[in-house]
C-alpha atoms as a PDB file:
ATOM      1  CA  MET A   1     -14.378  -6.681  20.624  1.00  0.00           C
ATOM      2  CA  GLU A   2     -11.071  -5.686  22.164  1.00  0.00           C
ATOM      3  CA  VAL A   3      -7.710  -6.227  20.492  1.00  0.00           C
ATOM      4  CA  GLY A   4      -6.720  -8.935  23.001  1.00  0.00           C
ATOM      5  CA  SER A   5     -10.045 -10.817  22.870  1.00  0.00           C
ATOM      6  CA  PRO A   6     -10.202 -14.436  21.706  1.00  0.00           C
ATOM      7  CA  GLY A   7     -11.236 -14.677  18.081  1.00  0.00           C
ATOM      8  CA  VAL A   8      -9.946 -11.227  17.188  1.00  0.00           C
ATOM      9  CA  ASP A   9      -7.572 -12.642  14.550  1.00  0.00           C
ATOM     10  CA  ALA A  10     -10.481 -14.271  12.716  1.00  0.00           C
ATOM     11  CA  ALA A  11     -12.456 -11.024  12.918  1.00  0.00           C
ATOM     12  CA  LEU A  12      -9.515  -9.064  11.498  1.00  0.00           C
ATOM     13  CA  LEU A  13      -9.115 -11.516   8.630  1.00  0.00           C
ATOM     14  CA  THR A  14     -12.824 -11.118   7.863  1.00  0.00           C
ATOM     15  CA  ALA A  15     -12.448  -7.328   8.015  1.00  0.00           C
ATOM     16  CA  LEU A  16      -9.723  -7.470   5.342  1.00  0.00           C
ATOM     17  CA  GLY A  17     -12.475  -8.442   2.899  1.00  0.00           C
ATOM     18  CA  ASP A  18     -14.847  -5.625   3.881  1.00  0.00           C
ATOM     19  CA  ASP A  19     -16.135  -3.243   1.221  1.00  0.00           C
ATOM     20  CA  ASP A  20     -15.169  -0.205   3.322  1.00  0.00           C
ATOM     21  CA  LEU A  21     -11.550   0.714   2.678  1.00  0.00           C
ATOM     22  CA  VAL A  22     -11.182   2.300   6.122  1.00  0.00           C
ATOM     23  CA  VAL A  23     -12.246  -0.973   7.753  1.00  0.00           C
ATOM     24  CA  ARG A  24      -9.683  -2.858   5.644  1.00  0.00           C
ATOM     25  CA  ALA A  25      -6.932  -0.357   6.442  1.00  0.00           C
ATOM     26  CA  THR A  26      -7.691  -0.549  10.159  1.00  0.00           C
ATOM     27  CA  ALA A  27      -7.713  -4.345  10.054  1.00  0.00           C
ATOM     28  CA  ALA A  28      -4.303  -4.358   8.350  1.00  0.00           C
ATOM     29  CA  ARG A  29      -2.855  -2.007  10.974  1.00  0.00           C
ATOM     30  CA  LEU A  30      -4.211  -4.134  13.816  1.00  0.00           C
ATOM     31  CA  ILE A  31      -2.873  -7.317  12.218  1.00  0.00           C
ATOM     32  CA  ALA A  32       0.574  -5.711  12.122  1.00  0.00           C
ATOM     33  CA  ARG A  33       0.248  -4.510  15.717  1.00  0.00           C
ATOM     34  CA  ARG A  34      -0.664  -8.041  16.841  1.00  0.00           C
ATOM     35  CA  LYS A  35       2.315  -9.476  14.902  1.00  0.00           C
ATOM     36  CA  ALA A  36      -0.057 -12.007  13.316  1.00  0.00           C
ATOM     37  CA  ARG A  37       2.427 -13.580  10.866  1.00  0.00           C
ATOM     38  CA  PRO A  38      -0.072 -16.238   9.692  1.00  0.00           C
ATOM     39  CA  ALA A  39      -2.149 -13.383   8.245  1.00  0.00           C
ATOM     40  CA  VAL A  40       0.504 -12.451   5.658  1.00  0.00           C
ATOM     41  CA  ALA A  41      -1.131 -14.560   2.932  1.00  0.00           C
ATOM     42  CA  ALA A  42      -4.462 -12.868   3.667  1.00  0.00           C
ATOM     43  CA  LEU A  43      -2.762  -9.461   3.442  1.00  0.00           C
ATOM     44  CA  ALA A  44      -1.334 -10.377   0.030  1.00  0.00           C
ATOM     45  CA  ALA A  45      -4.801 -11.412  -1.174  1.00  0.00           C
ATOM     46  CA  ALA A  46      -6.289  -8.212   0.278  1.00  0.00           C
ATOM     47  CA  TYR A  47      -3.674  -6.173  -1.611  1.00  0.00           C
ATOM     48  CA  GLU A  48      -4.717  -7.800  -4.890  1.00  0.00           C
ATOM     49  CA  ARG A  49      -8.389  -7.045  -4.161  1.00  0.00           C
ATOM     50  CA  SER A  50      -7.574  -3.445  -3.192  1.00  0.00           C
ATOM     51  CA  LYS A  51      -6.060  -2.637  -6.589  1.00  0.00           C
ATOM     52  CA  GLY A  52      -9.515  -1.618  -7.800  1.00  0.00           C
ATOM     53  CA  ASP A  53     -10.042   0.897  -4.991  1.00  0.00           C
ATOM     54  CA  ASP A  54     -10.337   4.572  -5.846  1.00  0.00           C
ATOM     55  CA  SER A  55      -8.138   5.432  -2.861  1.00  0.00           C
ATOM     56  CA  TYR A  56      -4.712   4.172  -1.859  1.00  0.00           C
ATOM     57  CA  VAL A  57      -5.523   4.142   1.877  1.00  0.00           C
ATOM     58  CA  ALA A  58      -6.208   0.416   2.269  1.00  0.00           C
ATOM     59  CA  ARG A  59      -3.392  -0.578  -0.126  1.00  0.00           C
ATOM     60  CA  ALA A  60      -0.865   1.493   1.808  1.00  0.00           C
ATOM     61  CA  ALA A  61      -1.915   0.023   5.167  1.00  0.00           C
ATOM     62  CA  ILE A  62      -1.879  -3.506   3.750  1.00  0.00           C
ATOM     63  CA  LEU A  63       1.581  -3.014   2.240  1.00  0.00           C
ATOM     64  CA  ALA A  64       2.911  -1.544   5.494  1.00  0.00           C
ATOM     65  CA  ALA A  65       1.519  -4.452   7.511  1.00  0.00           C
ATOM     66  CA  ALA A  66       2.883  -7.060   5.104  1.00  0.00           C
ATOM     67  CA  SER A  67       6.297  -5.347   5.116  1.00  0.00           C
ATOM     68  CA  GLU A  68       6.416  -5.375   8.888  1.00  0.00           C
ATOM     69  CA  LEU A  69       5.368  -9.019   9.215  1.00  0.00           C
ATOM     70  CA  ASP A  70       7.235 -10.653   6.330  1.00  0.00           C
ATOM     71  CA  PRO A  71       9.447  -8.531   4.056  1.00  0.00           C
ATOM     72  CA  ALA A  72      10.022 -11.448   1.670  1.00  0.00           C
ATOM     73  CA  VAL A  73       6.296 -11.741   0.961  1.00  0.00           C
ATOM     74  CA  ALA A  74       5.879  -7.964   0.841  1.00  0.00           C
ATOM     75  CA  ALA A  75       8.707  -7.347  -1.660  1.00  0.00           C
ATOM     76  CA  PRO A  76       6.810  -8.447  -4.801  1.00  0.00           C
ATOM     77  CA  LEU A  77       3.737  -6.552  -3.624  1.00  0.00           C
ATOM     78  CA  LEU A  78       5.801  -3.399  -3.151  1.00  0.00           C
ATOM     79  CA  ARG A  79       7.405  -3.823  -6.580  1.00  0.00           C
ATOM     80  CA  ASP A  80       3.946  -4.154  -8.079  1.00  0.00           C
ATOM     81  CA  ALA A  81       2.685  -1.073  -6.215  1.00  0.00           C
ATOM     82  CA  LEU A  82       5.666   0.965  -7.416  1.00  0.00           C
ATOM     83  CA  GLY A  83       5.405  -0.324 -10.965  1.00  0.00           C
ATOM     84  CA  ILE A  84       8.784  -2.005 -10.908  1.00  0.00           C
ATOM     85  CA  GLU A  85       9.274  -4.934 -13.228  1.00  0.00           C
ATOM     86  CA  THR A  86      11.817  -7.585 -12.397  1.00  0.00           C
ATOM     87  CA  GLY A  87      13.706  -9.236 -15.205  1.00  0.00           C
ATOM     88  CA  SER A  88      16.139 -12.087 -15.238  1.00  0.00           C
ATOM     89  CA  GLU A  89      19.151  -9.778 -15.073  1.00  0.00           C
ATOM     90  CA  THR A  90      17.932  -6.298 -14.179  1.00  0.00           C
ATOM     91  CA  THR A  91      15.230  -4.494 -12.309  1.00  0.00           C
ATOM     92  CA  SER A  92      13.692  -1.593 -14.154  1.00  0.00           C
ATOM     93  CA  ARG A  93      10.861   0.813 -13.724  1.00  0.00           C
ATOM     94  CA  ARG A  94       8.044   0.864 -16.232  1.00  0.00           C
ATOM     95  CA  PRO A  95       8.140   4.313 -17.864  1.00  0.00           C
ATOM     96  CA  ALA A  96       4.443   5.010 -17.289  1.00  0.00           C
ATOM     97  CA  ALA A  97       4.934   4.570 -13.542  1.00  0.00           C
ATOM     98  CA  ARG A  98       7.068   7.699 -13.454  1.00  0.00           C
ATOM     99  CA  GLY A  99       4.231   9.943 -14.537  1.00  0.00           C
ATOM    100  CA  ARG A 100       4.850  10.274 -18.279  1.00  0.00           C
ATOM    101  CA  PRO A 101       4.385   7.748 -21.069  1.00  0.00           C
ATOM    102  CA  ASP A 102       7.866   8.472 -22.459  1.00  0.00           C
ATOM    103  CA  GLY A 103       9.525   7.775 -19.099  1.00  0.00           C
ATOM    104  CA  ARG A 104      10.957  11.272 -18.640  1.00  0.00           C
ATOM    105  CA  ARG A 105      10.411  12.973 -15.325  1.00  0.00           C
ATOM    106  CA  ALA A 106       7.702  15.577 -15.277  1.00  0.00           C
ATOM    107  CA  ARG A 107       8.721  18.958 -13.964  1.00  0.00           C
ATOM    108  CA  ASN A 108       6.803  20.335 -11.064  1.00  0.00           C
ATOM    109  CA  PRO A 109       4.408  23.019 -12.260  1.00  0.00           C
ATOM    110  CA  PRO A 110       4.831  26.462 -10.715  1.00  0.00           C
ATOM    111  CA  ARG A 111       2.733  26.929  -7.605  1.00  0.00           C
ATOM    112  CA  PRO A 112       0.577  30.054  -7.752  1.00  0.00           C
ATOM    113  CA  ASP A 113       0.773  30.513  -3.984  1.00  0.00           C
ATOM    114  CA  ARG A 114       4.570  30.816  -4.189  1.00  0.00           C
ATOM    115  CA  ALA A 115       4.820  32.795  -7.400  1.00  0.00           C
ATOM    116  CA  ARG A 116       5.307  36.090  -5.620  1.00  0.00           C
ATOM    117  CA  ARG A 117       8.487  36.982  -3.918  1.00  0.00           C
ATOM    118  CA  GLY A 118       8.254  36.475  -0.195  1.00  0.00           C
ATOM    119  CA  GLY A 119       6.677  33.024  -0.079  1.00  0.00           C
ATOM    120  CA  LEU A 120       3.193  32.163   1.086  1.00  0.00           C
ATOM    121  CA  ARG A 121       0.588  34.853   1.531  1.00  0.00           C
END
């Protein structure tokens, strides 16, 4: 099936529910390319289903597609993905989302490949 074929939107919506994360990521990218605004609700549902994936690939493509098609719908999804909680007066980051339970930034560990003077070897 070609991108411009009749029925491609329905096929892409079906592909968003596929078990293969690469298929879902590709479907999300094609939905964004086709500017299929009615698919935004399906992208939001696909994001929720993708939270259990071992890889971020499908989630990232779904978030990018939703952001391109409807930023207002994508905003809460992006906040969720980034671990940002919204309160009545402020927006704050959950400490665990920053990499440490106490909320402090973790320092980058020294890289063994750059430990010697002169850079990469």
